[in-house]
Amino acid sequence: MADVEWIENIKRIVIQAIEAGDPCDVIPGTVIKENPMEIQIDQKTILSNLQVILPKQFTDHAEVMNIPGMGEVSVTIKNGLKTGQMVLLLQKRGGQQYVVIGTW
């Protein structure tokens, strides 16, 4: 019986080591809908906006800039993801949460 427990412990340790060494997956996807955001990552899987963390750099947003001679100016950065755009996602191991890390 002790041998079986020892083997199970070794299996558990190996699985934990594998998971710790590979904490996330990098996945390509395609934006199929802008509002609300939907991203397709394979033929059957479509991620909803609730599953995707979208950093500010991939959204339309306002920024305040200090321009010499003009002072502070508010500008709108139009960088929202568009339908058909390819994105690169990180998926947390074992989770249903994804973060957009790039486009191409």
Protein backbone atom coordinates (compact mmCIF):
# COMPACT_ATOMS: atom_id res chain seq x y z
CA MET A 1 0.00 0.00 0.00
CA ALA A 2 2.86 2.38 0.78
CA ASP A 3 4.20 1.95 -2.78
CA VAL A 4 0.85 3.05 -4.27
CA GLU A 5 0.77 6.16 -2.07
CA TRP A 6 4.36 6.97 -2.98
CA ILE A 7 3.58 6.66 -6.71
CA GLU A 8 0.48 8.86 -6.36
CA ASN A 9 2.53 11.48 -4.52
CA ILE A 10 5.16 11.44 -7.28
CA LYS A 11 2.41 11.86 -9.92
CA ARG A 12 0.99 14.82 -8.02
CA ILE A 13 4.44 16.44 -7.71
CA VAL A 14 5.13 15.99 -11.44
CA ILE A 15 1.76 17.50 -12.42
CA GLN A 16 2.35 20.49 -10.13
CA ALA A 17 5.82 21.02 -11.59
CA ILE A 18 4.48 20.92 -15.16
CA GLU A 19 1.69 23.38 -14.35
CA ALA A 20 4.06 25.74 -12.53
CA GLY A 21 6.47 25.75 -15.47
CA ASP A 22 3.76 26.55 -18.03
CA PRO A 23 1.30 28.91 -16.30
CA CYS A 24 -0.47 30.12 -19.46
CA ASP A 25 -1.16 29.44 -23.12
CA VAL A 26 -0.65 31.86 -26.02
CA ILE A 27 -3.59 31.67 -28.43
CA PRO A 28 -4.34 33.51 -31.68
CA GLY A 29 -7.86 34.76 -32.28
CA THR A 30 -10.01 36.89 -34.58
CA VAL A 31 -12.39 39.66 -33.55
CA ILE A 32 -15.80 38.68 -34.93
CA LYS A 33 -17.90 41.35 -33.19
CA GLU A 34 -16.97 44.76 -31.78
CA ASN A 35 -19.83 45.62 -29.42
CA PRO A 36 -20.10 43.59 -27.31
CA MET A 37 -16.63 42.19 -28.02
CA GLU A 38 -16.46 38.60 -29.30
CA ILE A 39 -13.25 36.81 -30.28
CA GLN A 40 -13.13 33.46 -32.06
CA ILE A 41 -10.18 31.23 -31.11
CA ASP A 42 -11.10 28.08 -33.03
CA GLN A 43 -13.96 26.75 -35.18
CA LYS A 44 -16.26 26.19 -32.20
CA THR A 45 -15.01 28.53 -29.45
CA ILE A 46 -16.12 32.16 -29.28
CA LEU A 47 -15.06 34.25 -26.29
CA SER A 48 -17.50 36.80 -24.92
CA ASN A 49 -16.54 40.22 -23.60
CA LEU A 50 -16.93 38.80 -20.07
CA GLN A 51 -14.08 36.35 -20.71
CA VAL A 52 -11.67 38.83 -22.29
CA ILE A 53 -9.57 41.39 -20.43
CA LEU A 54 -8.91 44.25 -22.83
CA PRO A 55 -6.04 46.58 -21.85
CA LYS A 56 -6.59 50.31 -22.39
CA GLN A 57 -4.13 50.33 -25.31
CA PHE A 58 -6.63 48.27 -27.37
CA THR A 59 -9.60 50.60 -26.77
CA ASP A 60 -10.75 54.00 -27.93
CA HIS A 61 -9.89 56.29 -25.03
CA ALA A 62 -9.03 59.88 -24.10
CA GLU A 63 -5.53 61.02 -23.14
CA VAL A 64 -4.37 64.37 -21.86
CA MET A 65 -1.21 65.68 -23.55
CA ASN A 66 0.88 68.70 -22.70
CA ILE A 67 1.76 70.52 -25.92
CA PRO A 68 4.29 73.37 -25.65
CA GLY A 69 2.61 76.68 -26.40
CA MET A 70 -0.88 75.17 -26.14
CA GLY A 71 -0.88 73.63 -22.68
CA GLU A 72 -2.91 70.56 -21.80
CA VAL A 73 -5.00 69.16 -24.61
CA SER A 74 -7.40 66.21 -24.47
CA VAL A 75 -7.12 63.89 -27.46
CA THR A 76 -9.03 60.76 -28.37
CA ILE A 77 -6.94 57.70 -29.22
CA LYS A 78 -8.87 55.53 -31.67
CA ASN A 79 -7.30 52.12 -31.14
CA GLY A 80 -10.34 49.91 -30.51
CA LEU A 81 -10.30 46.42 -31.96
CA LYS A 82 -12.17 46.03 -35.25
CA THR A 83 -14.08 43.10 -36.75
CA GLY A 84 -11.68 40.84 -38.66
CA GLN A 85 -8.62 41.99 -36.71
CA MET A 86 -6.24 39.27 -35.53
CA VAL A 87 -5.32 39.28 -31.84
CA LEU A 88 -2.90 37.40 -29.61
CA LEU A 89 -4.31 36.20 -26.28
CA LEU A 90 -2.89 34.76 -23.08
CA GLN A 91 -5.05 32.18 -21.33
CA LYS A 92 -4.47 31.47 -17.68
CA ARG A 93 -3.88 27.74 -17.21
CA GLY A 94 -7.15 26.03 -16.27
CA GLY A 95 -9.11 29.26 -16.51
CA GLN A 96 -11.69 30.81 -18.77
CA GLN A 97 -10.11 34.26 -18.59
CA TYR A 98 -8.06 35.66 -21.49
CA VAL A 99 -6.08 38.88 -21.92
CA VAL A 100 -5.34 40.53 -25.28
CA ILE A 101 -1.59 41.14 -25.53
CA GLY A 102 -1.19 42.17 -29.16
CA THR A 103 -2.62 42.56 -32.64
CA TRP A 104 -1.42 42.02 -36.18
